[in-house]
Amino acid sequence: MMSRLVSSRIMKVGDLVKHKDVPTGTPGVVVDMTQKKVWRTNVQGKKIDWDIVDPEPHAVVLFSHNDGIINIPVVELEVISASR
């Protein structure tokens, strides 16, 4: 059984995470942290203007069901087990 969610801390390399939109999905391991810009069309509209967007933290995550790593905005992830 997984430990309770650890949401009151900064995400870091080694944390076990799951995607908030897929609560029954398999967990992944954070292998790196980076900063990237994100344009959310549901909030910011269809016309993209990268000059008005600031980079936000992303976790580089390795899931067992993927062929490699993927970058996911930290706001879309939940820590389920913190690394030491």
PDB file of N, CA and C in Angstrom:
ATOM      1  N   MET A   1       0.838  -1.190   0.000  1.00  0.00           N
ATOM      2  CA  MET A   1       0.000   0.000   0.000  1.00  0.00           C
ATOM      3  C   MET A   1       0.877   1.245   0.000  1.00  0.00           C
ATOM      4  N   MET A   2       0.474   2.257  -0.763  1.00  0.00           N
ATOM      5  CA  MET A   2       1.251   3.482  -0.867  1.00  0.00           C
ATOM      6  C   MET A   2       1.086   4.334   0.386  1.00  0.00           C
ATOM      7  N   SER A   3       2.132   5.120   0.679  1.00  0.00           N
ATOM      8  CA  SER A   3       2.031   6.021   1.819  1.00  0.00           C
ATOM      9  C   SER A   3       1.111   7.185   1.472  1.00  0.00           C
ATOM     10  N   ARG A   4       0.712   7.941   2.475  1.00  0.00           N
ATOM     11  CA  ARG A   4      -0.168   9.083   2.241  1.00  0.00           C
ATOM     12  C   ARG A   4       0.526  10.134   1.387  1.00  0.00           C
ATOM     13  N   LEU A   5      -0.262  10.989   0.766  1.00  0.00           N
ATOM     14  CA  LEU A   5       0.304  12.021  -0.100  1.00  0.00           C
ATOM     15  C   LEU A   5       1.104  13.022   0.711  1.00  0.00           C
ATOM     16  N   VAL A   6       2.205  13.449   0.166  1.00  0.00           N
ATOM     17  CA  VAL A   6       3.081  14.425   0.807  1.00  0.00           C
ATOM     18  C   VAL A   6       3.030  15.677  -0.049  1.00  0.00           C
ATOM     19  N   SER A   7       2.076  16.574   0.224  1.00  0.00           N
ATOM     20  CA  SER A   7       1.856  17.709  -0.662  1.00  0.00           C
ATOM     21  C   SER A   7       2.418  19.025  -0.130  1.00  0.00           C
ATOM     22  N   SER A   8       2.895  19.062   1.100  1.00  0.00           N
ATOM     23  CA  SER A   8       3.330  20.322   1.694  1.00  0.00           C
ATOM     24  C   SER A   8       4.839  20.528   1.589  1.00  0.00           C
ATOM     25  N   ARG A   9       5.476  19.981   0.560  1.00  0.00           N
ATOM     26  CA  ARG A   9       6.920  20.134   0.413  1.00  0.00           C
ATOM     27  C   ARG A   9       7.275  20.324  -1.039  1.00  0.00           C
ATOM     28  N   ILE A  10       8.488  20.744  -1.260  1.00  0.00           N
ATOM     29  CA  ILE A  10       9.000  20.927  -2.612  1.00  0.00           C
ATOM     30  C   ILE A  10       9.357  19.566  -3.202  1.00  0.00           C
ATOM     31  N   MET A  11       8.965  19.350  -4.446  1.00  0.00           N
ATOM     32  CA  MET A  11       9.283  18.093  -5.127  1.00  0.00           C
ATOM     33  C   MET A  11      10.781  18.057  -5.428  1.00  0.00           C
ATOM     34  N   LYS A  12      11.364  16.852  -5.339  1.00  0.00           N
ATOM     35  CA  LYS A  12      12.786  16.737  -5.635  1.00  0.00           C
ATOM     36  C   LYS A  12      13.092  15.384  -6.287  1.00  0.00           C
ATOM     37  N   VAL A  13      14.295  15.288  -6.818  1.00  0.00           N
ATOM     38  CA  VAL A  13      14.753  14.060  -7.472  1.00  0.00           C
ATOM     39  C   VAL A  13      14.666  12.904  -6.477  1.00  0.00           C
ATOM     40  N   GLY A  14      14.130  11.782  -6.945  1.00  0.00           N
ATOM     41  CA  GLY A  14      13.992  10.590  -6.118  1.00  0.00           C
ATOM     42  C   GLY A  14      12.597  10.402  -5.550  1.00  0.00           C
ATOM     43  N   ASP A  15      11.765  11.442  -5.614  1.00  0.00           N
ATOM     44  CA  ASP A  15      10.395  11.322  -5.108  1.00  0.00           C
ATOM     45  C   ASP A  15       9.579  10.383  -5.987  1.00  0.00           C
ATOM     46  N   LEU A  16       8.657   9.689  -5.364  1.00  0.00           N
ATOM     47  CA  LEU A  16       7.691   8.854  -6.068  1.00  0.00           C
ATOM     48  C   LEU A  16       6.439   9.711  -6.243  1.00  0.00           C
ATOM     49  N   VAL A  17       5.969   9.862  -7.490  1.00  0.00           N
ATOM     50  CA  VAL A  17       4.863  10.766  -7.786  1.00  0.00           C
ATOM     51  C   VAL A  17       3.790  10.075  -8.613  1.00  0.00           C
ATOM     52  N   LYS A  18       2.596  10.695  -8.622  1.00  0.00           N
ATOM     53  CA  LYS A  18       1.551  10.257  -9.537  1.00  0.00           C
ATOM     54  C   LYS A  18       0.900  11.502 -10.119  1.00  0.00           C
ATOM     55  N   HIS A  19       0.307  11.345 -11.292  1.00  0.00           N
ATOM     56  CA  HIS A  19      -0.362  12.449 -11.971  1.00  0.00           C
ATOM     57  C   HIS A  19      -1.712  12.682 -11.320  1.00  0.00           C
ATOM     58  N   LYS A  20      -2.045  13.943 -11.022  1.00  0.00           N
ATOM     59  CA  LYS A  20      -3.314  14.260 -10.362  1.00  0.00           C
ATOM     60  C   LYS A  20      -4.522  13.861 -11.206  1.00  0.00           C
ATOM     61  N   ASP A  21      -4.388  13.903 -12.526  1.00  0.00           N
ATOM     62  CA  ASP A  21      -5.506  13.572 -13.419  1.00  0.00           C
ATOM     63  C   ASP A  21      -5.709  12.067 -13.587  1.00  0.00           C
ATOM     64  N   VAL A  22      -4.768  11.255 -13.090  1.00  0.00           N
ATOM     65  CA  VAL A  22      -4.864   9.795 -13.224  1.00  0.00           C
ATOM     66  C   VAL A  22      -4.648   9.177 -11.841  1.00  0.00           C
ATOM     67  N   PRO A  23      -5.634   9.320 -10.957  1.00  0.00           N
ATOM     68  CA  PRO A  23      -5.438   8.851  -9.570  1.00  0.00           C
ATOM     69  C   PRO A  23      -5.190   7.361  -9.436  1.00  0.00           C
ATOM     70  N   THR A  24      -5.648   6.556 -10.392  1.00  0.00           N
ATOM     71  CA  THR A  24      -5.412   5.112 -10.312  1.00  0.00           C
ATOM     72  C   THR A  24      -4.194   4.690 -11.126  1.00  0.00           C
ATOM     73  N   GLY A  25      -3.493   5.658 -11.701  1.00  0.00           N
ATOM     74  CA  GLY A  25      -2.326   5.355 -12.524  1.00  0.00           C
ATOM     75  C   GLY A  25      -1.138   4.888 -11.711  1.00  0.00           C
ATOM     76  N   THR A  26      -0.186   4.304 -12.401  1.00  0.00           N
ATOM     77  CA  THR A  26       1.014   3.821 -11.728  1.00  0.00           C
ATOM     78  C   THR A  26       1.910   4.992 -11.333  1.00  0.00           C
ATOM     79  N   PRO A  27       2.631   4.859 -10.232  1.00  0.00           N
ATOM     80  CA  PRO A  27       3.537   5.928  -9.815  1.00  0.00           C
ATOM     81  C   PRO A  27       4.787   5.979 -10.688  1.00  0.00           C
ATOM     82  N   GLY A  28       5.441   7.126 -10.683  1.00  0.00           N
ATOM     83  CA  GLY A  28       6.694   7.299 -11.399  1.00  0.00           C
ATOM     84  C   GLY A  28       7.742   7.891 -10.472  1.00  0.00           C
ATOM     85  N   VAL A  29       8.983   7.869 -10.907  1.00  0.00           N
ATOM     86  CA  VAL A  29      10.098   8.392 -10.118  1.00  0.00           C
ATOM     87  C   VAL A  29      10.620   9.673 -10.773  1.00  0.00           C
ATOM     88  N   VAL A  30      10.790  10.719  -9.963  1.00  0.00           N
ATOM     89  CA  VAL A  30      11.364  11.973 -10.453  1.00  0.00           C
ATOM     90  C   VAL A  30      12.868  11.765 -10.617  1.00  0.00           C
ATOM     91  N   VAL A  31      13.373  11.942 -11.861  1.00  0.00           N
ATOM     92  CA  VAL A  31      14.795  11.736 -12.122  1.00  0.00           C
ATOM     93  C   VAL A  31      15.538  13.052 -12.335  1.00  0.00           C
ATOM     94  N   ASP A  32      14.800  14.149 -12.517  1.00  0.00           N
ATOM     95  CA  ASP A  32      15.427  15.465 -12.689  1.00  0.00           C
ATOM     96  C   ASP A  32      14.349  16.524 -12.518  1.00  0.00           C
ATOM     97  N   MET A  33      14.774  17.761 -12.297  1.00  0.00           N
ATOM     98  CA  MET A  33      13.871  18.910 -12.224  1.00  0.00           C
ATOM     99  C   MET A  33      14.352  19.936 -13.240  1.00  0.00           C
ATOM    100  N   THR A  34      13.403  20.638 -13.861  1.00  0.00           N
ATOM    101  CA  THR A  34      13.742  21.639 -14.864  1.00  0.00           C
ATOM    102  C   THR A  34      12.700  22.749 -14.842  1.00  0.00           C
ATOM    103  N   GLN A  35      12.928  23.784 -15.632  1.00  0.00           N
ATOM    104  CA  GLN A  35      11.983  24.892 -15.788  1.00  0.00           C
ATOM    105  C   GLN A  35      11.583  24.963 -17.252  1.00  0.00           C
ATOM    106  N   LYS A  36      10.295  25.093 -17.516  1.00  0.00           N
ATOM    107  CA  LYS A  36       9.793  25.210 -18.886  1.00  0.00           C
ATOM    108  C   LYS A  36       8.594  26.138 -18.905  1.00  0.00           C
ATOM    109  N   LYS A  37       8.323  26.695 -20.071  1.00  0.00           N
ATOM    110  CA  LYS A  37       7.122  27.493 -20.251  1.00  0.00           C
ATOM    111  C   LYS A  37       5.972  26.581 -20.656  1.00  0.00           C
ATOM    112  N   VAL A  38       4.772  26.920 -20.181  1.00  0.00           N
ATOM    113  CA  VAL A  38       3.570  26.156 -20.501  1.00  0.00           C
ATOM    114  C   VAL A  38       2.489  27.132 -20.948  1.00  0.00           C
ATOM    115  N   TRP A  39       1.816  26.817 -22.045  1.00  0.00           N
ATOM    116  CA  TRP A  39       0.675  27.607 -22.491  1.00  0.00           C
ATOM    117  C   TRP A  39      -0.569  26.749 -22.310  1.00  0.00           C
ATOM    118  N   ARG A  40      -1.455  27.181 -21.443  1.00  0.00           N
ATOM    119  CA  ARG A  40      -2.691  26.444 -21.167  1.00  0.00           C
ATOM    120  C   ARG A  40      -3.839  27.097 -21.936  1.00  0.00           C
ATOM    121  N   THR A  41      -4.223  26.474 -23.041  1.00  0.00           N
ATOM    122  CA  THR A  41      -5.243  27.060 -23.921  1.00  0.00           C
ATOM    123  C   THR A  41      -6.587  27.217 -23.231  1.00  0.00           C
ATOM    124  N   ASN A  42      -6.898  26.370 -22.264  1.00  0.00           N
ATOM    125  CA  ASN A  42      -8.168  26.498 -21.554  1.00  0.00           C
ATOM    126  C   ASN A  42      -8.218  27.734 -20.662  1.00  0.00           C
ATOM    127  N   VAL A  43      -7.055  28.297 -20.324  1.00  0.00           N
ATOM    128  CA  VAL A  43      -6.980  29.486 -19.484  1.00  0.00           C
ATOM    129  C   VAL A  43      -6.544  30.705 -20.308  1.00  0.00           C
ATOM    130  N   GLN A  44      -5.532  30.516 -21.154  1.00  0.00           N
ATOM    131  CA  GLN A  44      -4.900  31.627 -21.852  1.00  0.00           C
ATOM    132  C   GLN A  44      -5.394  31.814 -23.290  1.00  0.00           C
ATOM    133  N   GLY A  45      -6.218  30.939 -23.780  1.00  0.00           N
ATOM    134  CA  GLY A  45      -6.754  31.066 -25.130  1.00  0.00           C
ATOM    135  C   GLY A  45      -5.907  30.356 -26.169  1.00  0.00           C
ATOM    136  N   LYS A  46      -6.363  30.431 -27.416  1.00  0.00           N
ATOM    137  CA  LYS A  46      -5.710  29.709 -28.505  1.00  0.00           C
ATOM    138  C   LYS A  46      -4.482  30.411 -29.057  1.00  0.00           C
ATOM    139  N   LYS A  47      -4.454  31.737 -28.985  1.00  0.00           N
ATOM    140  CA  LYS A  47      -3.328  32.485 -29.556  1.00  0.00           C
ATOM    141  C   LYS A  47      -2.158  32.504 -28.568  1.00  0.00           C
ATOM    142  N   ILE A  48      -1.085  31.839 -28.936  1.00  0.00           N
ATOM    143  CA  ILE A  48       0.072  31.687 -28.054  1.00  0.00           C
ATOM    144  C   ILE A  48       0.989  32.909 -28.144  1.00  0.00           C
ATOM    145  N   ASP A  49       1.395  33.414 -26.982  1.00  0.00           N
ATOM    146  CA  ASP A  49       2.344  34.519 -26.886  1.00  0.00           C
ATOM    147  C   ASP A  49       3.356  34.174 -25.791  1.00  0.00           C
ATOM    148  N   TRP A  50       4.466  33.548 -26.208  1.00  0.00           N
ATOM    149  CA  TRP A  50       5.461  33.069 -25.243  1.00  0.00           C
ATOM    150  C   TRP A  50       6.102  34.203 -24.449  1.00  0.00           C
ATOM    151  N   ASP A  51       6.038  35.434 -24.936  1.00  0.00           N
ATOM    152  CA  ASP A  51       6.654  36.558 -24.229  1.00  0.00           C
ATOM    153  C   ASP A  51       5.946  36.889 -22.919  1.00  0.00           C
ATOM    154  N   ILE A  52       4.695  36.484 -22.760  1.00  0.00           N
ATOM    155  CA  ILE A  52       3.971  36.817 -21.532  1.00  0.00           C
ATOM    156  C   ILE A  52       3.927  35.647 -20.531  1.00  0.00           C
ATOM    157  N   VAL A  53       4.610  34.562 -20.860  1.00  0.00           N
ATOM    158  CA  VAL A  53       4.596  33.373 -19.998  1.00  0.00           C
ATOM    159  C   VAL A  53       5.949  33.204 -19.318  1.00  0.00           C
ATOM    160  N   ASP A  54       5.917  32.984 -18.012  1.00  0.00           N
ATOM    161  CA  ASP A  54       7.139  32.707 -17.254  1.00  0.00           C
ATOM    162  C   ASP A  54       7.348  31.195 -17.153  1.00  0.00           C
ATOM    163  N   PRO A  55       8.605  30.757 -17.104  1.00  0.00           N
ATOM    164  CA  PRO A  55       8.870  29.324 -16.916  1.00  0.00           C
ATOM    165  C   PRO A  55       8.343  28.869 -15.555  1.00  0.00           C
ATOM    166  N   GLU A  56       7.939  27.621 -15.489  1.00  0.00           N
ATOM    167  CA  GLU A  56       7.483  27.044 -14.227  1.00  0.00           C
ATOM    168  C   GLU A  56       8.176  25.698 -14.016  1.00  0.00           C
ATOM    169  N   PRO A  57       8.262  25.257 -12.759  1.00  0.00           N
ATOM    170  CA  PRO A  57       8.967  24.004 -12.475  1.00  0.00           C
ATOM    171  C   PRO A  57       8.276  22.792 -13.103  1.00  0.00           C
ATOM    172  N   HIS A  58       9.099  21.918 -13.659  1.00  0.00           N
ATOM    173  CA  HIS A  58       8.652  20.646 -14.233  1.00  0.00           C
ATOM    174  C   HIS A  58       9.490  19.526 -13.621  1.00  0.00           C
ATOM    175  N   ALA A  59       8.852  18.389 -13.416  1.00  0.00           N
ATOM    176  CA  ALA A  59       9.569  17.193 -12.991  1.00  0.00           C
ATOM    177  C   ALA A  59       9.796  16.323 -14.221  1.00  0.00           C
ATOM    178  N   VAL A  60      10.988  15.776 -14.323  1.00  0.00           N
ATOM    179  CA  VAL A  60      11.298  14.796 -15.366  1.00  0.00           C
ATOM    180  C   VAL A  60      11.031  13.439 -14.724  1.00  0.00           C
ATOM    181  N   VAL A  61      10.002  12.739 -15.227  1.00  0.00           N
ATOM    182  CA  VAL A  61       9.499  11.548 -14.547  1.00  0.00           C
ATOM    183  C   VAL A  61       9.672  10.307 -15.413  1.00  0.00           C
ATOM    184  N   LEU A  62      10.054   9.231 -14.761  1.00  0.00           N
ATOM    185  CA  LEU A  62      10.172   7.926 -15.403  1.00  0.00           C
ATOM    186  C   LEU A  62       9.047   7.039 -14.885  1.00  0.00           C
ATOM    187  N   PHE A  63       8.142   6.648 -15.796  1.00  0.00           N
ATOM    188  CA  PHE A  63       7.054   5.723 -15.475  1.00  0.00           C
ATOM    189  C   PHE A  63       7.380   4.376 -16.101  1.00  0.00           C
ATOM    190  N   SER A  64       6.959   3.301 -15.462  1.00  0.00           N
ATOM    191  CA  SER A  64       7.258   1.961 -15.974  1.00  0.00           C
ATOM    192  C   SER A  64       6.555   1.684 -17.304  1.00  0.00           C
ATOM    193  N   HIS A  65       5.433   2.322 -17.567  1.00  0.00           N
ATOM    194  CA  HIS A  65       4.676   2.070 -18.789  1.00  0.00           C
ATOM    195  C   HIS A  65       5.128   2.928 -19.977  1.00  0.00           C
ATOM    196  N   ASN A  66       6.061   3.845 -19.766  1.00  0.00           N
ATOM    197  CA  ASN A  66       6.581   4.681 -20.858  1.00  0.00           C
ATOM    198  C   ASN A  66       7.905   4.137 -21.354  1.00  0.00           C
ATOM    199  N   ASP A  67       8.233   4.511 -22.575  1.00  0.00           N
ATOM    200  CA  ASP A  67       9.488   4.080 -23.183  1.00  0.00           C
ATOM    201  C   ASP A  67      10.669   4.917 -22.709  1.00  0.00           C
ATOM    202  N   GLY A  68      10.403   6.046 -22.085  1.00  0.00           N
ATOM    203  CA  GLY A  68      11.459   6.932 -21.606  1.00  0.00           C
ATOM    204  C   GLY A  68      10.877   7.932 -20.626  1.00  0.00           C
ATOM    205  N   ILE A  69      11.607   9.005 -20.403  1.00  0.00           N
ATOM    206  CA  ILE A  69      11.195  10.026 -19.451  1.00  0.00           C
ATOM    207  C   ILE A  69      10.202  10.995 -20.096  1.00  0.00           C
ATOM    208  N   ILE A  70       9.391  11.649 -19.251  1.00  0.00           N
ATOM    209  CA  ILE A  70       8.507  12.701 -19.721  1.00  0.00           C
ATOM    210  C   ILE A  70       8.578  13.878 -18.754  1.00  0.00           C
ATOM    211  N   ASN A  71       8.371  15.083 -19.282  1.00  0.00           N
ATOM    212  CA  ASN A  71       8.369  16.302 -18.480  1.00  0.00           C
ATOM    213  C   ASN A  71       6.935  16.657 -18.134  1.00  0.00           C
ATOM    214  N   ILE A  72       6.665  16.850 -16.848  1.00  0.00           N
ATOM    215  CA  ILE A  72       5.318  17.165 -16.390  1.00  0.00           C
ATOM    216  C   ILE A  72       5.396  18.365 -15.442  1.00  0.00           C
ATOM    217  N   PRO A  73       4.518  19.361 -15.632  1.00  0.00           N
ATOM    218  CA  PRO A  73       4.507  20.479 -14.689  1.00  0.00           C
ATOM    219  C   PRO A  73       4.269  19.978 -13.263  1.00  0.00           C
ATOM    220  N   VAL A  74       4.993  20.524 -12.310  1.00  0.00           N
ATOM    221  CA  VAL A  74       4.904  20.112 -10.913  1.00  0.00           C
ATOM    222  C   VAL A  74       3.476  20.273 -10.382  1.00  0.00           C
ATOM    223  N   VAL A  75       2.752  21.288 -10.842  1.00  0.00           N
ATOM    224  CA  VAL A  75       1.378  21.504 -10.349  1.00  0.00           C
ATOM    225  C   VAL A  75       0.440  20.376 -10.741  1.00  0.00           C
ATOM    226  N   GLU A  76       0.836  19.536 -11.690  1.00  0.00           N
ATOM    227  CA  GLU A  76       0.000  18.432 -12.142  1.00  0.00           C
ATOM    228  C   GLU A  76       0.363  17.102 -11.464  1.00  0.00           C
ATOM    229  N   LEU A  77       1.319  17.143 -10.529  1.00  0.00           N
ATOM    230  CA  LEU A  77       1.791  15.925  -9.862  1.00  0.00           C
ATOM    231  C   LEU A  77       1.548  15.978  -8.364  1.00  0.00           C
ATOM    232  N   GLU A  78       1.446  14.803  -7.756  1.00  0.00           N
ATOM    233  CA  GLU A  78       1.365  14.669  -6.309  1.00  0.00           C
ATOM    234  C   GLU A  78       2.489  13.742  -5.852  1.00  0.00           C
ATOM    235  N   VAL A  79       3.175  14.142  -4.791  1.00  0.00           N
ATOM    236  CA  VAL A  79       4.214  13.302  -4.197  1.00  0.00           C
ATOM    237  C   VAL A  79       3.527  12.263  -3.334  1.00  0.00           C
ATOM    238  N   ILE A  80       3.804  10.995  -3.590  1.00  0.00           N
ATOM    239  CA  ILE A  80       3.207   9.934  -2.773  1.00  0.00           C
ATOM    240  C   ILE A  80       4.227   9.305  -1.828  1.00  0.00           C
ATOM    241  N   SER A  81       5.506   9.514  -2.107  1.00  0.00           N
ATOM    242  CA  SER A  81       6.547   9.054  -1.199  1.00  0.00           C
ATOM    243  C   SER A  81       7.786   9.924  -1.438  1.00  0.00           C
ATOM    244  N   ALA A  82       8.221  10.614  -0.404  1.00  0.00           N
ATOM    245  CA  ALA A  82       9.353  11.525  -0.535  1.00  0.00           C
ATOM    246  C   ALA A  82      10.678  10.792  -0.393  1.00  0.00           C
ATOM    247  N   SER A  83      11.643  11.217  -1.213  1.00  0.00           N
ATOM    248  CA  SER A  83      12.987  10.667  -1.072  1.00  0.00           C
ATOM    249  C   SER A  83      13.646  11.294   0.151  1.00  0.00           C
ATOM    250  N   ARG A  84      14.718  10.682   0.580  1.00  0.00           N
ATOM    251  CA  ARG A  84      15.415  11.205   1.768  1.00  0.00           C
ATOM    252  C   ARG A  84      16.414  12.250   1.410  1.00  0.00           C
TER     253      ARG A  84
END
